Amino acid sequence: MSLAGLAGDDVSRTMVHFIEHGKSRPSRRVLEMIATRTGKPVGYFLAKGASSSLSSDGGAAVQISAAALEVGRLARNPRVRKSEREALKLVELVLRQAARVVTSVASGFAA
């Protein structure tokens, strides 16, 4: 089964794409969900030394990506009005772009 299939409606297809292509790292919650659904331990999905980078406080890009996920989830709520849904979609897009910028800047500092 694909990662998108495992994630179901809990993680957007865009986020799954970013995770699969190394453009984003899953939050600890998402990583635990994937581990549970595959029957593997969380450590199976972590490179050596990566577990410290996914500590409970996480990096800024991971936290921003998690916020984008939550905003996207809110936008899909059927009780949200159309104008609110459009605003939430815009916020989600901005948060996803911010996560990419943070990742890019952080990788520049690590070089």
Foldseek 3Di string as FASTA:
>chain_A
DQPCVLCDLQFDPVVSVCCVVVLAPEAPVSLVSSCVSVVHDSVVVADVPCVVCRPNVHDPLNVLLVVLSVLQVVLPPPVDDPVSSVVSPVSSVVSNVVSSVVVVVVVVVVD
